[in-house]
PDB file of N, CA and C in Angstrom:
ATOM      1  N   ARG A   1       0.138  17.034  18.074  1.00  0.00           N
ATOM      2  CA  ARG A   1       0.818  17.991  17.361  1.00  0.00           C
ATOM      3  C   ARG A   1       1.547  17.259  15.481  1.00  0.00           C
ATOM      4  N   LEU A   2       1.363  16.569  15.266  1.00  0.00           N
ATOM      5  CA  LEU A   2       1.242  15.973  14.095  1.00  0.00           C
ATOM      6  C   LEU A   2       0.127  15.755  13.624  1.00  0.00           C
ATOM      7  N   VAL A   3      -0.776  16.378  13.625  1.00  0.00           N
ATOM      8  CA  VAL A   3      -2.229  16.585  13.091  1.00  0.00           C
ATOM      9  C   VAL A   3      -2.443  16.855  11.722  1.00  0.00           C
ATOM     10  N   TRP A   4      -1.584  17.794  10.842  1.00  0.00           N
ATOM     11  CA  TRP A   4      -0.902  18.481  10.020  1.00  0.00           C
ATOM     12  C   TRP A   4      -0.887  17.530   9.331  1.00  0.00           C
ATOM     13  N   CYS A   5      -0.215  16.806   9.760  1.00  0.00           N
ATOM     14  CA  CYS A   5       0.161  15.262   8.929  1.00  0.00           C
ATOM     15  C   CYS A   5      -0.608  14.908   8.531  1.00  0.00           C
ATOM     16  N   VAL A   6      -1.704  14.291   9.215  1.00  0.00           N
ATOM     17  CA  VAL A   6      -2.758  13.317   8.928  1.00  0.00           C
ATOM     18  C   VAL A   6      -3.681  14.503   8.277  1.00  0.00           C
ATOM     19  N   ALA A   7      -3.891  15.339   7.852  1.00  0.00           N
ATOM     20  CA  ALA A   7      -4.701  16.691   7.469  1.00  0.00           C
ATOM     21  C   ALA A   7      -4.570  16.861   5.190  1.00  0.00           C
ATOM     22  N   VAL A   8      -2.679  17.120   5.608  1.00  0.00           N
ATOM     23  CA  VAL A   8      -1.775  16.845   3.793  1.00  0.00           C
ATOM     24  C   VAL A   8      -2.172  15.325   3.699  1.00  0.00           C
ATOM     25  N   ALA A   9      -1.756  14.033   4.083  1.00  0.00           N
ATOM     26  CA  ALA A   9      -1.885  12.755   4.078  1.00  0.00           C
ATOM     27  C   ALA A   9      -3.532  12.131   3.311  1.00  0.00           C
ATOM     28  N   VAL A  10      -4.272  12.777   4.445  1.00  0.00           N
ATOM     29  CA  VAL A  10      -5.700  12.412   3.539  1.00  0.00           C
ATOM     30  C   VAL A  10      -5.821  13.633   2.617  1.00  0.00           C
ATOM     31  N   ALA A  11      -5.504  14.731   2.317  1.00  0.00           N
ATOM     32  CA  ALA A  11      -5.655  15.637   1.256  1.00  0.00           C
ATOM     33  C   ALA A  11      -4.843  14.711   0.122  1.00  0.00           C
ATOM     34  N   VAL A  12      -4.092  14.658  -0.267  1.00  0.00           N
ATOM     35  CA  VAL A  12      -3.567  13.903  -0.945  1.00  0.00           C
ATOM     36  C   VAL A  12      -3.630  12.549  -1.709  1.00  0.00           C
ATOM     37  N   ALA A  13      -3.674  11.774  -1.070  1.00  0.00           N
ATOM     38  CA  ALA A  13      -4.621  10.477  -0.812  1.00  0.00           C
ATOM     39  C   ALA A  13      -6.045  10.747  -1.763  1.00  0.00           C
ATOM     40  N   TRP A  14      -6.506  11.289  -0.725  1.00  0.00           N
ATOM     41  CA  TRP A  14      -8.028  11.645  -1.255  1.00  0.00           C
ATOM     42  C   TRP A  14      -7.619  12.412  -3.477  1.00  0.00           C
ATOM     43  N   SER A  15      -7.130  12.855  -3.382  1.00  0.00           N
ATOM     44  CA  SER A  15      -7.317  13.390  -4.753  1.00  0.00           C
ATOM     45  C   SER A  15      -6.346  12.574  -5.957  1.00  0.00           C
ATOM     46  N   LEU A  16      -5.191  12.128  -4.876  1.00  0.00           N
ATOM     47  CA  LEU A  16      -4.953  10.582  -6.085  1.00  0.00           C
ATOM     48  C   LEU A  16      -5.607   9.922  -6.253  1.00  0.00           C
ATOM     49  N   GLN A  17      -6.763   9.305  -5.378  1.00  0.00           N
ATOM     50  CA  GLN A  17      -7.104   8.248  -5.702  1.00  0.00           C
ATOM     51  C   GLN A  17      -8.877   8.397  -6.573  1.00  0.00           C
ATOM     52  N   ASP A  18      -9.033   9.887  -6.348  1.00  0.00           N
ATOM     53  CA  ASP A  18      -9.942  10.184  -7.051  1.00  0.00           C
ATOM     54  C   ASP A  18     -10.103   9.778  -8.676  1.00  0.00           C
ATOM     55  N   ALA A  19      -8.331  10.771  -9.152  1.00  0.00           N
ATOM     56  CA  ALA A  19      -7.447  11.194  -9.979  1.00  0.00           C
ATOM     57  C   ALA A  19      -7.856   9.627 -10.730  1.00  0.00           C
ATOM     58  N   ALA A  20      -7.083   8.250  -9.893  1.00  0.00           N
ATOM     59  CA  ALA A  20      -6.910   6.739 -10.573  1.00  0.00           C
ATOM     60  C   ALA A  20      -8.542   6.572 -10.304  1.00  0.00           C
ATOM     61  N   GLY A  21      -9.253   7.004  -9.771  1.00  0.00           N
ATOM     62  CA  GLY A  21     -10.402   6.185 -10.349  1.00  0.00           C
ATOM     63  C   GLY A  21     -11.374   6.796 -11.478  1.00  0.00           C
ATOM     64  N   ARG A  22     -11.765   8.237 -11.315  1.00  0.00           N
ATOM     65  CA  ARG A  22     -11.816   8.964 -12.832  1.00  0.00           C
ATOM     66  C   ARG A  22     -11.268   8.193 -14.450  1.00  0.00           C
ATOM     67  N   LEU A  23      -9.517   8.128 -13.667  1.00  0.00           N
ATOM     68  CA  LEU A  23      -9.058   8.207 -15.185  1.00  0.00           C
ATOM     69  C   LEU A  23      -9.304   6.148 -15.970  1.00  0.00           C
ATOM     70  N   THR A  24     -10.194   5.493 -14.275  1.00  0.00           N
ATOM     71  CA  THR A  24     -10.202   4.182 -14.603  1.00  0.00           C
ATOM     72  C   THR A  24     -11.617   4.005 -15.618  1.00  0.00           C
ATOM     73  N   ILE A  25     -12.735   4.926 -15.100  1.00  0.00           N
ATOM     74  CA  ILE A  25     -13.922   4.770 -15.386  1.00  0.00           C
ATOM     75  C   ILE A  25     -14.109   5.586 -16.479  1.00  0.00           C
ATOM     76  N   GLU A  26     -12.922   6.262 -16.815  1.00  0.00           N
ATOM     77  CA  GLU A  26     -13.594   7.248 -17.602  1.00  0.00           C
ATOM     78  C   GLU A  26     -12.425   6.424 -19.169  1.00  0.00           C
ATOM     79  N   GLY A  27     -11.657   6.267 -18.697  1.00  0.00           N
ATOM     80  CA  GLY A  27     -10.123   5.700 -19.541  1.00  0.00           C
ATOM     81  C   GLY A  27     -10.177   4.182 -20.141  1.00  0.00           C
ATOM     82  N   LYS A  28     -10.822   3.287 -19.041  1.00  0.00           N
ATOM     83  CA  LYS A  28     -11.330   1.998 -18.754  1.00  0.00           C
ATOM     84  C   LYS A  28      -9.945   1.647 -19.040  1.00  0.00           C
ATOM     85  N   ARG A  29      -8.799   2.122 -17.880  1.00  0.00           N
ATOM     86  CA  ARG A  29      -7.538   1.585 -17.961  1.00  0.00           C
ATOM     87  C   ARG A  29      -6.717   1.775 -16.739  1.00  0.00           C
ATOM     88  N   SER A  30      -5.799   1.233 -16.139  1.00  0.00           N
ATOM     89  CA  SER A  30      -5.691   2.000 -14.533  1.00  0.00           C
ATOM     90  C   SER A  30      -4.506   2.472 -14.465  1.00  0.00           C
ATOM     91  N   LEU A  31      -4.423   3.595 -12.887  1.00  0.00           N
ATOM     92  CA  LEU A  31      -3.061   4.441 -13.637  1.00  0.00           C
ATOM     93  C   LEU A  31      -1.862   3.809 -13.966  1.00  0.00           C
ATOM     94  N   GLY A  32      -1.577   2.770 -14.484  1.00  0.00           N
ATOM     95  CA  GLY A  32      -0.168   1.606 -14.654  1.00  0.00           C
ATOM     96  C   GLY A  32      -0.510   2.190 -15.849  1.00  0.00           C
ATOM     97  N   GLN A  33      -0.978   1.528 -16.481  1.00  0.00           N
ATOM     98  CA  GLN A  33      -1.870   1.476 -17.593  1.00  0.00           C
ATOM     99  C   GLN A  33      -1.592   3.012 -18.824  1.00  0.00           C
ATOM    100  N   ALA A  34      -2.198   3.850 -18.195  1.00  0.00           N
ATOM    101  CA  ALA A  34      -2.282   5.106 -18.678  1.00  0.00           C
ATOM    102  C   ALA A  34      -0.494   6.284 -18.569  1.00  0.00           C
ATOM    103  N   ILE A  35       0.142   6.065 -17.620  1.00  0.00           N
ATOM    104  CA  ILE A  35       1.299   6.132 -17.891  1.00  0.00           C
ATOM    105  C   ILE A  35       2.063   5.560 -19.043  1.00  0.00           C
ATOM    106  N   ARG A  36       2.072   4.484 -18.887  1.00  0.00           N
ATOM    107  CA  ARG A  36       3.001   2.894 -20.014  1.00  0.00           C
ATOM    108  C   ARG A  36       2.489   3.907 -20.892  1.00  0.00           C
ATOM    109  N   ASP A  37       0.887   3.984 -21.646  1.00  0.00           N
ATOM    110  CA  ASP A  37       0.572   4.892 -22.677  1.00  0.00           C
ATOM    111  C   ASP A  37       1.439   6.018 -22.987  1.00  0.00           C
ATOM    112  N   LEU A  38       1.680   6.620 -21.743  1.00  0.00           N
ATOM    113  CA  LEU A  38       1.988   8.428 -22.702  1.00  0.00           C
ATOM    114  C   LEU A  38       3.724   7.938 -22.973  1.00  0.00           C
ATOM    115  N   SER A  39       3.918   7.457 -21.719  1.00  0.00           N
ATOM    116  CA  SER A  39       6.194   7.419 -22.593  1.00  0.00           C
ATOM    117  C   SER A  39       5.995   6.346 -22.818  1.00  0.00           C
ATOM    118  N   PRO A  40       6.064   5.797 -24.229  1.00  0.00           N
ATOM    119  CA  PRO A  40       6.952   4.975 -24.612  1.00  0.00           C
ATOM    120  C   PRO A  40       7.720   4.741 -25.125  1.00  0.00           C
ATOM    121  N   SER A  41       9.082   5.528 -25.313  1.00  0.00           N
ATOM    122  CA  SER A  41      10.739   5.080 -24.846  1.00  0.00           C
ATOM    123  C   SER A  41      11.322   6.528 -24.585  1.00  0.00           C
ATOM    124  N   GLY A  42      12.530   6.706 -24.572  1.00  0.00           N
ATOM    125  CA  GLY A  42      13.039   8.077 -24.327  1.00  0.00           C
ATOM    126  C   GLY A  42      12.816   8.362 -23.061  1.00  0.00           C
ATOM    127  N   ALA A  43      13.307   9.422 -23.128  1.00  0.00           N
ATOM    128  CA  ALA A  43      13.153  10.363 -22.063  1.00  0.00           C
ATOM    129  C   ALA A  43      12.600  10.312 -21.036  1.00  0.00           C
ATOM    130  N   LYS A  44      11.182  10.281 -21.676  1.00  0.00           N
ATOM    131  CA  LYS A  44       9.428  10.198 -20.668  1.00  0.00           C
ATOM    132  C   LYS A  44       9.669   8.320 -20.418  1.00  0.00           C
ATOM    133  N   ALA A  45      10.773   7.480 -20.878  1.00  0.00           N
ATOM    134  CA  ALA A  45      10.404   6.399 -20.307  1.00  0.00           C
ATOM    135  C   ALA A  45      11.018   6.193 -18.927  1.00  0.00           C
ATOM    136  N   VAL A  46      12.995   6.776 -18.985  1.00  0.00           N
ATOM    137  CA  VAL A  46      13.172   6.824 -18.194  1.00  0.00           C
ATOM    138  C   VAL A  46      12.371   8.094 -16.603  1.00  0.00           C
ATOM    139  N   ALA A  47      11.812   9.166 -17.216  1.00  0.00           N
ATOM    140  CA  ALA A  47      10.523   9.948 -16.358  1.00  0.00           C
ATOM    141  C   ALA A  47       9.761   8.546 -15.697  1.00  0.00           C
ATOM    142  N   ARG A  48       9.552   8.122 -16.517  1.00  0.00           N
ATOM    143  CA  ARG A  48       8.613   6.985 -16.028  1.00  0.00           C
ATOM    144  C   ARG A  48       9.184   5.702 -15.275  1.00  0.00           C
ATOM    145  N   HIS A  49       9.809   5.328 -15.831  1.00  0.00           N
ATOM    146  CA  HIS A  49      10.989   4.078 -14.664  1.00  0.00           C
ATOM    147  C   HIS A  49      10.990   4.807 -13.161  1.00  0.00           C
ATOM    148  N   ALA A  50      11.283   5.913 -13.446  1.00  0.00           N
ATOM    149  CA  ALA A  50      11.741   6.456 -11.911  1.00  0.00           C
ATOM    150  C   ALA A  50      10.250   7.197 -11.440  1.00  0.00           C
ATOM    151  N   LEU A  51       9.050   7.469 -11.735  1.00  0.00           N
ATOM    152  CA  LEU A  51       7.793   7.572 -10.823  1.00  0.00           C
ATOM    153  C   LEU A  51       7.038   5.930 -10.199  1.00  0.00           C
ATOM    154  N   THR A  52       7.937   4.824 -11.515  1.00  0.00           N
ATOM    155  CA  THR A  52       7.581   4.516 -10.828  1.00  0.00           C
ATOM    156  C   THR A  52       8.410   3.596  -9.824  1.00  0.00           C
ATOM    157  N   LEU A  53       9.216   3.860  -9.635  1.00  0.00           N
ATOM    158  CA  LEU A  53      10.277   3.404  -8.373  1.00  0.00           C
ATOM    159  C   LEU A  53       9.418   4.182  -7.451  1.00  0.00           C
ATOM    160  N   PHE A  54       9.443   5.779  -7.343  1.00  0.00           N
ATOM    161  CA  PHE A  54       9.118   6.313  -6.431  1.00  0.00           C
ATOM    162  C   PHE A  54       7.478   6.450  -6.044  1.00  0.00           C
ATOM    163  N   VAL A  55       6.609   5.846  -6.705  1.00  0.00           N
ATOM    164  CA  VAL A  55       5.782   4.773  -6.529  1.00  0.00           C
ATOM    165  C   VAL A  55       5.539   3.709  -5.547  1.00  0.00           C
ATOM    166  N   LEU A  56       6.744   2.487  -5.714  1.00  0.00           N
ATOM    167  CA  LEU A  56       7.110   1.357  -4.923  1.00  0.00           C
ATOM    168  C   LEU A  56       7.670   1.769  -3.593  1.00  0.00           C
ATOM    169  N   ALA A  57       8.418   2.373  -3.840  1.00  0.00           N
ATOM    170  CA  ALA A  57       8.854   2.976  -2.276  1.00  0.00           C
ATOM    171  C   ALA A  57       7.658   3.665  -1.983  1.00  0.00           C
ATOM    172  N   GLY A  58       6.976   4.601  -1.696  1.00  0.00           N
ATOM    173  CA  GLY A  58       5.774   4.721  -1.267  1.00  0.00           C
ATOM    174  C   GLY A  58       5.107   3.335  -0.908  1.00  0.00           C
ATOM    175  N   SER A  59       4.350   3.102  -1.993  1.00  0.00           N
ATOM    176  CA  SER A  59       3.897   1.419  -2.070  1.00  0.00           C
ATOM    177  C   SER A  59       4.346   1.150  -0.460  1.00  0.00           C
ATOM    178  N   VAL A  60       5.778   0.953  -0.313  1.00  0.00           N
ATOM    179  CA  VAL A  60       6.203  -0.128   0.637  1.00  0.00           C
ATOM    180  C   VAL A  60       6.372   0.778   2.226  1.00  0.00           C
ATOM    181  N   ALA A  61       6.725   1.998   2.118  1.00  0.00           N
ATOM    182  CA  ALA A  61       6.553   2.576   3.000  1.00  0.00           C
ATOM    183  C   ALA A  61       4.722   2.076   4.009  1.00  0.00           C
ATOM    184  N   TYR A  62       4.123   2.946   2.393  1.00  0.00           N
ATOM    185  CA  TYR A  62       3.308   2.530   3.643  1.00  0.00           C
ATOM    186  C   TYR A  62       1.920   1.349   4.206  1.00  0.00           C
ATOM    187  N   GLU A  63       2.250   0.295   3.618  1.00  0.00           N
ATOM    188  CA  GLU A  63       2.369  -1.067   3.655  1.00  0.00           C
ATOM    189  C   GLU A  63       3.361  -1.390   4.920  1.00  0.00           C
ATOM    190  N   CYS A  64       4.702  -0.671   5.288  1.00  0.00           N
ATOM    191  CA  CYS A  64       5.438  -1.199   6.122  1.00  0.00           C
ATOM    192  C   CYS A  64       5.011  -0.187   7.755  1.00  0.00           C
ATOM    193  N   ASN A  65       3.900   0.433   7.377  1.00  0.00           N
ATOM    194  CA  ASN A  65       3.307   1.453   8.605  1.00  0.00           C
ATOM    195  C   ASN A  65       2.277   0.674   8.779  1.00  0.00           C
ATOM    196  N   ILE A  66       1.848  -0.403   8.066  1.00  0.00           N
ATOM    197  CA  ILE A  66      -0.316  -1.675   8.507  1.00  0.00           C
ATOM    198  C   ILE A  66       0.580  -1.289   9.087  1.00  0.00           C
ATOM    199  N   PHE A  67       1.461  -2.895   8.548  1.00  0.00           N
ATOM    200  CA  PHE A  67       2.818  -3.405   9.517  1.00  0.00           C
ATOM    201  C   PHE A  67       2.815  -3.548  10.209  1.00  0.00           C
ATOM    202  N   SER A  68       3.500  -2.507  10.841  1.00  0.00           N
ATOM    203  CA  SER A  68       3.347  -1.803  12.495  1.00  0.00           C
ATOM    204  C   SER A  68       2.720  -1.540  13.245  1.00  0.00           C
ATOM    205  N   GLY A  69       1.411  -0.719  12.442  1.00  0.00           N
ATOM    206  CA  GLY A  69       0.740  -0.839  13.662  1.00  0.00           C
ATOM    207  C   GLY A  69       0.084  -1.992  14.095  1.00  0.00           C
ATOM    208  N   VAL A  70      -0.371  -2.965  12.889  1.00  0.00           N
ATOM    209  CA  VAL A  70      -0.702  -4.335  13.591  1.00  0.00           C
ATOM    210  C   VAL A  70       0.125  -5.066  14.032  1.00  0.00           C
ATOM    211  N   ALA A  71       1.610  -4.947  13.938  1.00  0.00           N
ATOM    212  CA  ALA A  71       2.263  -5.444  15.750  1.00  0.00           C
ATOM    213  C   ALA A  71       1.845  -4.930  16.740  1.00  0.00           C
ATOM    214  N   SER A  72       1.718  -3.147  16.853  1.00  0.00           N
ATOM    215  CA  SER A  72       1.789  -2.551  17.539  1.00  0.00           C
ATOM    216  C   SER A  72       0.142  -3.177  18.122  1.00  0.00           C
ATOM    217  N   GLY A  73      -0.649  -4.049  17.421  1.00  0.00           N
ATOM    218  CA  GLY A  73      -1.954  -3.721  17.482  1.00  0.00           C
ATOM    219  C   GLY A  73      -1.656  -5.127  18.612  1.00  0.00           C
ATOM    220  N   VAL A  74      -0.809  -6.008  17.777  1.00  0.00           N
ATOM    221  CA  VAL A  74      -1.008  -7.481  18.299  1.00  0.00           C
ATOM    222  C   VAL A  74       0.083  -7.085  20.244  1.00  0.00           C
ATOM    223  N   GLU A  75       0.854  -6.149  20.267  1.00  0.00           N
ATOM    224  CA  GLU A  75       1.421  -6.213  21.176  1.00  0.00           C
ATOM    225  C   GLU A  75       0.543  -5.717  22.006  1.00  0.00           C
ATOM    226  N   LEU A  76      -0.073  -4.862  22.382  1.00  0.00           N
ATOM    227  CA  LEU A  76      -1.989  -4.034  23.436  1.00  0.00           C
ATOM    228  C   LEU A  76      -1.717  -5.566  23.522  1.00  0.00           C
ATOM    229  N   LEU A  77      -2.603  -6.737  22.490  1.00  0.00           N
ATOM    230  CA  LEU A  77      -3.317  -7.833  23.275  1.00  0.00           C
ATOM    231  C   LEU A  77      -2.293  -8.532  24.397  1.00  0.00           C
ATOM    232  N   THR A  78      -1.259  -8.226  23.540  1.00  0.00           N
ATOM    233  CA  THR A  78       0.298  -9.830  24.538  1.00  0.00           C
ATOM    234  C   THR A  78       0.866  -9.306  24.984  1.00  0.00           C
ATOM    235  N   ASP A  79       1.393  -9.944  26.450  1.00  0.00           N
ATOM    236  CA  ASP A  79       2.946  -8.869  26.697  1.00  0.00           C
ATOM    237  C   ASP A  79       3.815 -10.431  26.602  1.00  0.00           C
ATOM    238  N   GLU A  80       3.284 -11.736  26.204  1.00  0.00           N
ATOM    239  CA  GLU A  80       3.974 -12.532  25.779  1.00  0.00           C
ATOM    240  C   GLU A  80       4.636 -12.763  24.056  1.00  0.00           C
ATOM    241  N   SER A  81       6.241 -12.558  24.338  1.00  0.00           N
ATOM    242  CA  SER A  81       6.820 -11.532  22.992  1.00  0.00           C
ATOM    243  C   SER A  81       6.433 -13.243  22.258  1.00  0.00           C
ATOM    244  N   ALA A  82       6.500 -14.748  22.368  1.00  0.00           N
ATOM    245  CA  ALA A  82       6.491 -15.682  21.972  1.00  0.00           C
ATOM    246  C   ALA A  82       5.319 -14.986  20.344  1.00  0.00           C
ATOM    247  N   ILE A  83       4.533 -14.624  21.097  1.00  0.00           N
ATOM    248  CA  ILE A  83       3.002 -14.264  20.307  1.00  0.00           C
ATOM    249  C   ILE A  83       3.662 -13.127  18.839  1.00  0.00           C
ATOM    250  N   ARG A  84       4.283 -11.993  19.740  1.00  0.00           N
ATOM    251  CA  ARG A  84       4.174 -11.187  18.812  1.00  0.00           C
ATOM    252  C   ARG A  84       5.259 -11.459  18.082  1.00  0.00           C
ATOM    253  N   LEU A  85       6.112 -12.193  17.672  1.00  0.00           N
ATOM    254  CA  LEU A  85       7.211 -12.336  16.932  1.00  0.00           C
ATOM    255  C   LEU A  85       6.507 -13.820  15.998  1.00  0.00           C
ATOM    256  N   ALA A  86       6.022 -15.036  16.537  1.00  0.00           N
ATOM    257  CA  ALA A  86       5.111 -15.514  15.720  1.00  0.00           C
ATOM    258  C   ALA A  86       4.309 -14.171  14.865  1.00  0.00           C
ATOM    259  N   PHE A  87       3.414 -14.022  15.127  1.00  0.00           N
ATOM    260  CA  PHE A  87       3.090 -13.270  14.145  1.00  0.00           C
ATOM    261  C   PHE A  87       3.783 -12.511  13.263  1.00  0.00           C
ATOM    262  N   LEU A  88       4.915 -12.007  13.358  1.00  0.00           N
ATOM    263  CA  LEU A  88       4.951 -11.266  12.914  1.00  0.00           C
ATOM    264  C   LEU A  88       6.056 -12.240  11.632  1.00  0.00           C
ATOM    265  N   TRP A  89       6.109 -13.654  12.107  1.00  0.00           N
ATOM    266  CA  TRP A  89       6.991 -14.472  10.811  1.00  0.00           C
ATOM    267  C   TRP A  89       5.984 -14.337  10.169  1.00  0.00           C
ATOM    268  N   LEU A  90       4.689 -15.218  11.051  1.00  0.00           N
ATOM    269  CA  LEU A  90       4.237 -15.150   9.316  1.00  0.00           C
ATOM    270  C   LEU A  90       2.980 -14.151   8.969  1.00  0.00           C
ATOM    271  N   ASN A  91       2.950 -13.425   9.246  1.00  0.00           N
ATOM    272  CA  ASN A  91       2.621 -11.824   8.382  1.00  0.00           C
ATOM    273  C   ASN A  91       3.635 -12.049   7.135  1.00  0.00           C
ATOM    274  N   GLY A  92       4.351 -11.525   7.659  1.00  0.00           N
ATOM    275  CA  GLY A  92       5.717 -10.731   6.430  1.00  0.00           C
ATOM    276  C   GLY A  92       5.622 -10.988   5.428  1.00  0.00           C
ATOM    277  N   PRO A  93       5.736 -12.765   6.056  1.00  0.00           N
ATOM    278  CA  PRO A  93       6.011 -14.228   4.587  1.00  0.00           C
ATOM    279  C   PRO A  93       5.263 -14.306   3.477  1.00  0.00           C
ATOM    280  N   LEU A  94       3.727 -13.902   4.458  1.00  0.00           N
ATOM    281  CA  LEU A  94       2.441 -13.715   3.539  1.00  0.00           C
ATOM    282  C   LEU A  94       2.309 -12.270   3.090  1.00  0.00           C
ATOM    283  N   CYS A  95       1.901 -11.774   3.277  1.00  0.00           N
ATOM    284  CA  CYS A  95       2.475 -10.178   2.350  1.00  0.00           C
ATOM    285  C   CYS A  95       3.130  -9.857   1.038  1.00  0.00           C
ATOM    286  N   CYS A  96       4.241 -10.326   1.700  1.00  0.00           N
ATOM    287  CA  CYS A  96       5.294 -10.907   0.683  1.00  0.00           C
ATOM    288  C   CYS A  96       4.900 -11.717  -0.883  1.00  0.00           C
ATOM    289  N   ALA A  97       4.316 -13.251  -0.475  1.00  0.00           N
ATOM    290  CA  ALA A  97       3.831 -13.777  -1.365  1.00  0.00           C
ATOM    291  C   ALA A  97       2.633 -13.740  -2.216  1.00  0.00           C
ATOM    292  N   LEU A  98       1.730 -12.876  -1.619  1.00  0.00           N
ATOM    293  CA  LEU A  98       0.561 -11.961  -1.917  1.00  0.00           C
ATOM    294  C   LEU A  98       1.338 -10.717  -2.862  1.00  0.00           C
ATOM    295  N   LEU A  99       2.487 -10.347  -2.646  1.00  0.00           N
ATOM    296  CA  LEU A  99       2.876  -9.401  -3.383  1.00  0.00           C
ATOM    297  C   LEU A  99       3.359  -9.917  -4.687  1.00  0.00           C
ATOM    298  N   LEU A 100       3.809 -10.719  -4.798  1.00  0.00           N
ATOM    299  CA  LEU A 100       4.448 -11.352  -5.491  1.00  0.00           C
ATOM    300  C   LEU A 100       3.611 -12.451  -6.671  1.00  0.00           C
ATOM    301  N   ALA A 101       2.221 -12.586  -5.861  1.00  0.00           N
ATOM    302  CA  ALA A 101       1.593 -13.782  -6.958  1.00  0.00           C
ATOM    303  C   ALA A 101       1.489 -12.502  -7.923  1.00  0.00           C
ATOM    304  N   GLY A 102       0.789 -11.017  -7.082  1.00  0.00           N
ATOM    305  CA  GLY A 102       0.514 -10.377  -7.910  1.00  0.00           C
ATOM    306  C   GLY A 102      -0.974 -10.435  -8.704  1.00  0.00           C
ATOM    307  N   SER A 103      -1.626 -10.785  -8.011  1.00  0.00           N
ATOM    308  CA  SER A 103      -3.041 -11.148  -7.589  1.00  0.00           C
ATOM    309  C   SER A 103      -3.747  -9.907  -6.861  1.00  0.00           C
ATOM    310  N   THR A 104      -4.277  -8.917  -7.651  1.00  0.00           N
ATOM    311  CA  THR A 104      -4.391  -7.551  -6.803  1.00  0.00           C
ATOM    312  C   THR A 104      -5.389  -7.698  -6.404  1.00  0.00           C
ATOM    313  N   ASP A 105      -6.669  -8.910  -6.474  1.00  0.00           N
ATOM    314  CA  ASP A 105      -7.793  -9.030  -5.531  1.00  0.00           C
ATOM    315  C   ASP A 105      -7.220  -9.776  -4.147  1.00  0.00           C
ATOM    316  N   ALA A 106      -6.613 -10.905  -4.488  1.00  0.00           N
ATOM    317  CA  ALA A 106      -5.404 -11.529  -3.332  1.00  0.00           C
ATOM    318  C   ALA A 106      -4.779 -10.553  -1.725  1.00  0.00           C
ATOM    319  N   VAL A 107      -4.253  -8.819  -2.969  1.00  0.00           N
ATOM    320  CA  VAL A 107      -3.854  -8.193  -2.041  1.00  0.00           C
ATOM    321  C   VAL A 107      -4.780  -7.844  -1.272  1.00  0.00           C
ATOM    322  N   SER A 108      -5.836  -7.426  -2.172  1.00  0.00           N
ATOM    323  CA  SER A 108      -7.096  -6.289  -0.948  1.00  0.00           C
ATOM    324  C   SER A 108      -7.447  -6.893  -0.264  1.00  0.00           C
ATOM    325  N   ALA A 109      -7.983  -7.777  -0.957  1.00  0.00           N
ATOM    326  CA  ALA A 109      -9.096  -8.921  -0.050  1.00  0.00           C
ATOM    327  C   ALA A 109      -7.817  -9.064   1.651  1.00  0.00           C
ATOM    328  N   ALA A 110      -6.369  -9.094   1.662  1.00  0.00           N
ATOM    329  CA  ALA A 110      -5.679  -9.065   2.502  1.00  0.00           C
ATOM    330  C   ALA A 110      -5.544  -7.918   3.537  1.00  0.00           C
ATOM    331  N   LEU A 111      -5.256  -6.786   2.709  1.00  0.00           N
ATOM    332  CA  LEU A 111      -4.751  -5.487   3.532  1.00  0.00           C
ATOM    333  C   LEU A 111      -6.066  -5.474   4.170  1.00  0.00           C
ATOM    334  N   GLY A 112      -7.490  -6.029   3.553  1.00  0.00           N
ATOM    335  CA  GLY A 112      -8.802  -5.846   4.127  1.00  0.00           C
ATOM    336  C   GLY A 112      -8.691  -6.790   5.196  1.00  0.00           C
ATOM    337  N   VAL A 113      -8.372  -7.855   5.455  1.00  0.00           N
ATOM    338  CA  VAL A 113      -8.410  -8.302   6.663  1.00  0.00           C
ATOM    339  C   VAL A 113      -7.230  -7.401   7.582  1.00  0.00           C
ATOM    340  N   VAL A 114      -6.644  -7.025   7.334  1.00  0.00           N
ATOM    341  CA  VAL A 114      -5.038  -6.214   7.672  1.00  0.00           C
ATOM    342  C   VAL A 114      -6.005  -5.348   8.404  1.00  0.00           C
ATOM    343  N   ALA A 115      -6.448  -4.593   7.455  1.00  0.00           N
ATOM    344  CA  ALA A 115      -7.310  -3.029   7.673  1.00  0.00           C
ATOM    345  C   ALA A 115      -8.512  -2.976   9.630  1.00  0.00           C
ATOM    346  N   PHE A 116      -9.276  -4.202   9.067  1.00  0.00           N
ATOM    347  CA  PHE A 116      -9.820  -4.963   9.752  1.00  0.00           C
ATOM    348  C   PHE A 116      -9.036  -5.087  11.295  1.00  0.00           C
ATOM    349  N   MET A 117      -7.855  -6.189  10.707  1.00  0.00           N
ATOM    350  CA  MET A 117      -7.499  -6.270  12.799  1.00  0.00           C
ATOM    351  C   MET A 117      -7.197  -5.046  12.979  1.00  0.00           C
ATOM    352  N   LEU A 118      -6.830  -3.848  12.078  1.00  0.00           N
ATOM    353  CA  LEU A 118      -5.978  -2.496  13.213  1.00  0.00           C
ATOM    354  C   LEU A 118      -7.369  -1.885  13.976  1.00  0.00           C
ATOM    355  N   ALA A 119      -8.216  -1.861  13.178  1.00  0.00           N
ATOM    356  CA  ALA A 119      -9.610  -1.567  13.424  1.00  0.00           C
ATOM    357  C   ALA A 119     -10.585  -2.402  14.870  1.00  0.00           C
ATOM    358  N   VAL A 120     -10.038  -3.233  14.781  1.00  0.00           N
ATOM    359  CA  VAL A 120     -10.684  -4.377  16.378  1.00  0.00           C
ATOM    360  C   VAL A 120      -9.280  -4.147  16.915  1.00  0.00           C
ATOM    361  N   LEU A 121      -8.272  -4.126  17.297  1.00  0.00           N
ATOM    362  CA  LEU A 121      -7.357  -4.392  17.562  1.00  0.00           C
ATOM    363  C   LEU A 121      -6.777  -3.239  18.389  1.00  0.00           C
TER     364      LEU A 121
END
């Protein structure tokens, strides 16, 4: 029933990632740097801050989806609530620590492990 959601999500993600990749390769700067350079102050800065909040909210929703998917995978493996609870209590702070550390390499590696766990589970 919800196949159309997946199709739309794939199309949007593909187009945005393609645009961000082209910008990074051609312009030698990230998407965030390009947006910051386009709107240094004034009304454009307010729009930039609003866009930042929307991107942040979308990223949090995406990561929550991954987090709940991993939790569901762990739930499939075991019926013991203690193991599931331990996994959730360990995984949450780990994700927060990686995000607060600000290292994109560490965050990418951790999310790659989470994605691998989703595929395996």
